[in-house]
Amino acid sequence: MTPVGQTVKQFEVMQRMAKMYTESTIIPEAYKGNIGNCIIALDMATRMGANPLMVMQNLYVVNGNPSWSSKFLIATINMSGKYSSLRYRKRNLGKVGKVKYNDIEWKTDPTGKSRKTIVVKEFDGTEIDNIECVAYATELSTGEILESDPITIDTAIKEGWYTKSGSKWVTMPSLMLTYRAAAFWQRMYCPEISMGFITKEEADDIQDAEYVEIPSKDKLSELAESAVISNGNPAAPEANGNSPKPVNTNNTQSNKPTKPKSLW
């Protein structure tokens, strides 16, 4: 069988497996009745050597982007056999104090569209402990101790994670420090585990989406213009209202002399 034939055969088998998973009652809602999502999860499980159900239970979609749960990445690192189990070193650096950070506000511009605006605010953390967390593990083949960059409450405030509405950094800061330090460690020393995806907790904290509300009439106009361009239709007439003149494709030139146009 040719390589192409093998690929087609594997895809057919994966489709049958995906259909079976879509009918299961214990998989997340994002996969029920969705063969496409199940095929993606099966493909990722095959590449990672992981159980498909475990991948489905820990792969989330946040703002259209797939992301892993932090506990899944930690478990994958601990079971990899390349490193010792992840451990965490925490210490109190004192009070946070007053910290300036960038916040996002949506404002309406003169055209009536909502746009993202960056504003500088000050956070009063005089009563909040500035805890630092460092994730570390030992590389079994060399015995070298590998450490992540330190993550602090001060960092979480400056990055906007702590001040975001509904943030878990306020209610469970120790756990969030642990998850973020583990994610940093994983990206530094074994990025192949996450296959380039960030964690769900990081995706929840990121605030980089720009929302621009487009009126329905303008939206339809944009779609119509896109359709015209994609279909290769000629450009619109000139602004003065004159239609473009047809091009003379007749190769036989007329013997009648032409009178030059007046410049005045």
Protein backbone atom coordinates (compact mmCIF):
# COMPACT_ATOMS: atom_id res chain seq x y z
CA MET A 1 0.00 0.00 0.00
CA THR A 2 1.28 3.44 -0.92
CA PRO A 3 1.88 6.11 1.77
CA VAL A 4 -1.18 7.98 0.50
CA GLY A 5 -3.27 4.84 0.77
CA GLN A 6 -2.04 4.25 4.32
CA THR A 7 -2.97 7.81 5.28
CA VAL A 8 -6.46 7.41 3.84
CA LYS A 9 -6.88 4.10 5.65
CA GLN A 10 -5.77 5.61 8.96
CA PHE A 11 -8.16 8.52 8.48
CA GLU A 12 -11.07 6.15 7.83
CA VAL A 13 -10.26 4.20 10.99
CA MET A 14 -10.01 7.45 12.97
CA GLN A 15 -13.41 8.53 11.66
CA ARG A 16 -15.01 5.31 12.88
CA MET A 17 -13.36 5.74 16.29
CA ALA A 18 -14.46 9.38 16.45
CA LYS A 19 -18.06 8.43 15.68
CA MET A 20 -18.00 5.99 18.60
CA TYR A 21 -16.73 8.71 20.95
CA THR A 22 -19.39 11.20 19.82
CA GLU A 23 -22.08 8.82 21.06
CA SER A 24 -20.52 8.49 24.52
CA THR A 25 -22.19 10.14 27.52
CA ILE A 26 -19.01 10.69 29.55
CA ILE A 27 -17.10 12.94 27.16
CA PRO A 28 -17.29 16.76 27.44
CA GLU A 29 -20.06 18.62 25.61
CA ALA A 30 -17.60 20.05 23.05
CA TYR A 31 -17.13 16.53 21.62
CA LYS A 32 -20.65 15.13 21.75
CA GLY A 33 -21.98 14.80 18.21
CA ASN A 34 -18.90 16.57 16.82
CA ILE A 35 -16.78 14.14 14.79
CA GLY A 36 -14.31 16.87 13.80
CA ASN A 37 -13.42 17.74 17.40
CA CYS A 38 -13.08 14.05 18.27
CA ILE A 39 -10.72 13.45 15.34
CA ILE A 40 -8.50 16.32 16.50
CA ALA A 41 -8.44 14.94 20.04
CA LEU A 42 -7.62 11.43 18.73
CA ASP A 43 -4.80 12.79 16.58
CA MET A 44 -3.30 14.69 19.52
CA ALA A 45 -3.62 11.66 21.79
CA THR A 46 -1.78 9.56 19.20
CA ARG A 47 1.05 12.08 18.89
CA MET A 48 1.40 12.39 22.66
CA GLY A 49 0.98 8.70 23.42
CA ALA A 50 -1.90 9.56 25.77
CA ASN A 51 -5.36 8.16 26.34
CA PRO A 52 -7.95 9.84 24.05
CA LEU A 53 -10.51 10.21 26.84
CA MET A 54 -7.89 11.84 29.08
CA VAL A 55 -7.07 14.31 26.30
CA MET A 56 -10.76 15.16 25.79
CA GLN A 57 -11.29 15.68 29.51
CA ASN A 58 -8.38 18.12 29.76
CA LEU A 59 -8.46 19.99 26.45
CA TYR A 60 -10.49 23.19 26.66
CA VAL A 61 -11.38 25.86 24.12
CA VAL A 62 -11.06 29.42 25.47
CA ASN A 63 -11.97 32.25 23.07
CA GLY A 64 -11.56 29.85 20.16
CA ASN A 65 -8.09 28.67 21.22
CA PRO A 66 -7.41 25.13 22.49
CA SER A 67 -5.66 24.98 25.85
CA TRP A 68 -4.66 22.34 28.39
CA SER A 69 -5.61 22.18 32.03
CA SER A 70 -2.57 22.81 34.24
CA LYS A 71 -3.10 19.62 36.22
CA PHE A 72 -2.92 17.61 32.98
CA LEU A 73 0.47 19.10 32.06
CA ILE A 74 1.77 18.49 35.58
CA ALA A 75 0.64 14.86 35.45
CA THR A 76 2.19 14.41 31.99
CA ILE A 77 5.54 15.76 33.22
CA ASN A 78 5.47 13.53 36.30
CA MET A 79 4.72 10.44 34.17
CA SER A 80 7.23 11.22 31.41
CA GLY A 81 10.09 9.30 33.03
CA LYS A 82 12.55 12.06 32.07
CA TYR A 83 12.21 14.17 35.20
CA SER A 84 11.44 13.76 38.85
CA SER A 85 8.04 14.92 40.03
CA LEU A 86 7.55 18.68 39.93
CA ARG A 87 8.05 20.41 43.26
CA TYR A 88 7.40 24.01 44.28
CA ARG A 89 9.36 26.39 46.47
CA LYS A 90 7.39 29.28 47.94
CA ARG A 91 8.44 32.21 50.12
CA ASN A 92 6.93 35.44 51.39
CA LEU A 93 8.62 38.56 50.03
CA GLY A 94 6.63 40.93 52.24
CA LYS A 95 3.64 43.05 51.34
CA VAL A 96 2.85 43.90 47.74
CA GLY A 97 2.32 47.60 48.38
CA LYS A 98 0.92 49.93 45.76
CA VAL A 99 1.43 48.66 42.22
CA LYS A 100 0.70 50.36 38.91
CA TYR A 101 -0.72 48.13 36.20
CA ASN A 102 -2.31 48.39 32.77
CA ASP A 103 -6.03 47.79 32.56
CA ILE A 104 -8.35 47.51 29.56
CA GLU A 105 -11.42 49.65 29.10
CA TRP A 106 -13.84 49.65 26.19
CA LYS A 107 -14.71 53.11 24.91
CA THR A 108 -16.91 54.28 22.06
CA ASP A 109 -15.11 56.29 19.38
CA PRO A 110 -16.72 59.10 17.32
CA THR A 111 -17.85 56.56 14.71
CA GLY A 112 -19.86 54.64 17.31
CA LYS A 113 -17.54 51.62 17.42
CA SER A 114 -16.32 50.13 20.70
CA ARG A 115 -12.55 49.91 20.91
CA LYS A 116 -10.08 48.68 23.49
CA THR A 117 -8.18 51.35 25.42
CA ILE A 118 -5.20 50.77 27.72
CA VAL A 119 -5.35 52.80 30.94
CA VAL A 120 -2.84 52.91 33.82
CA LYS A 121 -4.31 52.21 37.26
CA GLU A 122 -2.91 51.78 40.75
CA PHE A 123 -3.62 48.71 42.86
CA ASP A 124 -3.49 48.97 46.65
CA GLY A 125 -1.83 45.78 47.87
CA THR A 126 -0.57 47.05 51.21
CA GLU A 127 -2.44 44.24 53.01
CA ILE A 128 -1.60 41.46 50.51
CA ASP A 129 1.38 39.12 50.91
CA ASN A 130 3.72 39.01 47.92
CA ILE A 131 4.26 35.26 47.64
CA GLU A 132 6.91 33.93 45.24
CA CYS A 133 6.70 30.46 43.68
CA VAL A 134 9.37 28.55 41.75
CA ALA A 135 8.74 25.15 40.15
CA TYR A 136 11.66 22.73 39.98
CA ALA A 137 12.46 19.13 39.07
CA THR A 138 15.54 17.00 38.50
CA GLU A 139 16.49 15.77 35.04
CA LEU A 140 17.03 12.06 35.64
CA SER A 141 19.62 11.56 32.88
CA THR A 142 21.97 14.28 34.15
CA GLY A 143 20.94 14.92 37.74
CA GLU A 144 20.63 18.64 36.99
CA ILE A 145 18.02 20.58 38.93
CA LEU A 146 15.84 22.59 36.56
CA GLU A 147 13.98 25.64 37.88
CA SER A 148 11.31 27.88 36.40
CA ASP A 149 11.32 31.65 36.49
CA PRO A 150 9.83 32.94 39.76
CA ILE A 151 6.16 33.89 39.72
CA THR A 152 4.92 36.39 42.31
CA ILE A 153 1.66 38.05 43.30
CA ASP A 154 3.26 41.32 42.24
CA THR A 155 3.77 39.85 38.75
CA ALA A 156 0.14 38.69 38.63
CA ILE A 157 -1.04 42.22 39.44
CA LYS A 158 1.20 43.90 36.87
CA GLU A 159 0.14 41.43 34.17
CA GLY A 160 -3.54 42.03 34.91
CA TRP A 161 -4.23 38.47 36.05
CA TYR A 162 -5.05 39.40 39.65
CA THR A 163 -7.31 42.35 38.87
CA LYS A 164 -9.40 40.67 36.19
CA SER A 165 -13.08 40.30 37.05
CA GLY A 166 -13.77 36.91 38.66
CA SER A 167 -10.05 36.11 38.91
CA LYS A 168 -9.10 33.02 40.92
CA TRP A 169 -5.90 34.82 41.94
CA VAL A 170 -7.93 36.62 44.62
CA THR A 171 -9.62 33.56 46.12
CA MET A 172 -6.90 30.90 45.68
CA PRO A 173 -3.54 32.63 45.06
CA SER A 174 -1.36 29.70 46.20
CA LEU A 175 -2.92 27.28 43.71
CA MET A 176 -2.72 29.79 40.87
CA LEU A 177 0.97 30.43 41.64
CA THR A 178 1.57 26.68 41.51
CA TYR A 179 -0.22 26.27 38.18
CA ARG A 180 1.53 29.25 36.58
CA ALA A 181 5.00 28.20 37.77
CA ALA A 182 4.39 24.68 36.41
CA ALA A 183 3.31 26.10 33.04
CA PHE A 184 6.45 28.26 32.86
CA TRP A 185 8.64 25.27 33.77
CA GLN A 186 7.01 23.08 31.12
CA ARG A 187 7.54 25.65 28.35
CA MET A 188 11.18 26.11 29.33
CA TYR A 189 12.27 22.46 29.53
CA CYS A 190 9.74 20.25 27.70
CA PRO A 191 7.60 22.34 25.31
CA GLU A 192 6.83 19.25 23.24
CA ILE A 193 4.42 18.04 25.92
CA SER A 194 1.89 20.83 25.38
CA MET A 195 2.38 20.90 21.58
CA GLY A 196 2.48 24.69 21.68
CA PHE A 197 -0.79 25.15 23.59
CA ILE A 198 -1.02 27.33 26.68
CA THR A 199 -2.91 26.30 29.81
CA LYS A 200 -6.58 27.01 30.41
CA GLU A 201 -5.71 29.17 33.41
CA GLU A 202 -3.40 31.30 31.26
CA ALA A 203 -6.02 31.61 28.54
CA ASP A 204 -8.54 32.81 31.11
CA ASP A 205 -6.11 35.50 32.29
CA ILE A 206 -5.09 36.82 28.88
CA GLN A 207 -6.87 40.00 27.86
CA ASP A 208 -5.80 40.71 24.31
CA ALA A 209 -9.01 40.35 22.33
CA GLU A 210 -10.28 43.45 20.57
CA TYR A 211 -14.02 43.79 20.19
CA VAL A 212 -15.28 46.11 17.48
CA GLU A 213 -19.04 46.21 17.00
CA ILE A 214 -20.01 46.58 13.35
CA PRO A 215 -23.59 47.63 12.48
CA SER A 216 -25.53 45.00 10.52
CA LYS A 217 -25.77 47.25 7.46
CA ASP A 218 -22.01 47.85 7.38
CA LYS A 219 -21.34 44.16 7.95
CA LEU A 220 -23.51 43.17 4.97
CA SER A 221 -21.77 45.79 2.82
CA GLU A 222 -18.37 44.38 3.75
CA LEU A 223 -19.50 40.85 2.93
CA ALA A 224 -20.86 41.99 -0.44
CA GLU A 225 -17.61 43.78 -1.30
CA SER A 226 -15.61 40.69 -0.32
CA ALA A 227 -17.81 38.52 -2.54
CA VAL A 228 -17.31 40.85 -5.50
CA ILE A 229 -13.53 40.82 -5.08
CA SER A 230 -13.34 37.04 -4.60
CA ASN A 231 -15.44 36.42 -7.73
CA GLY A 232 -13.13 38.54 -9.84
CA ASN A 233 -15.82 41.04 -10.85
CA PRO A 234 -14.65 44.31 -12.38
CA ALA A 235 -14.07 47.28 -10.16
CA ALA A 236 -16.83 49.78 -9.47
CA PRO A 237 -17.37 52.74 -11.83
CA GLU A 238 -15.38 55.88 -11.34
CA ALA A 239 -16.52 58.39 -8.77
CA ASN A 240 -17.78 60.81 -11.45
CA GLY A 241 -20.47 58.31 -12.46
CA ASN A 242 -19.03 57.45 -15.89
CA SER A 243 -18.98 53.77 -16.71
CA PRO A 244 -15.66 52.35 -17.95
CA LYS A 245 -15.43 52.30 -21.72
CA PRO A 246 -15.13 48.92 -23.45
CA VAL A 247 -11.75 48.05 -24.86
CA ASN A 248 -11.59 47.76 -28.66
CA THR A 249 -10.26 44.31 -29.40
CA ASN A 250 -10.54 44.65 -33.20
CA ASN A 251 -7.06 44.31 -34.66
CA THR A 252 -8.14 45.99 -37.94
CA GLN A 253 -7.54 49.70 -37.65
CA SER A 254 -10.00 52.08 -39.26
CA ASN A 255 -8.75 53.97 -42.34
CA LYS A 256 -10.76 57.02 -41.30
CA PRO A 257 -8.42 59.68 -39.94
CA THR A 258 -9.12 60.74 -36.40
CA LYS A 259 -9.31 64.36 -35.40
CA PRO A 260 -7.14 65.26 -32.42
CA LYS A 261 -9.07 66.32 -29.32
CA SER A 262 -8.94 69.93 -28.26
CA LEU A 263 -7.08 70.65 -25.06
CA TRP A 264 -9.42 73.54 -24.22
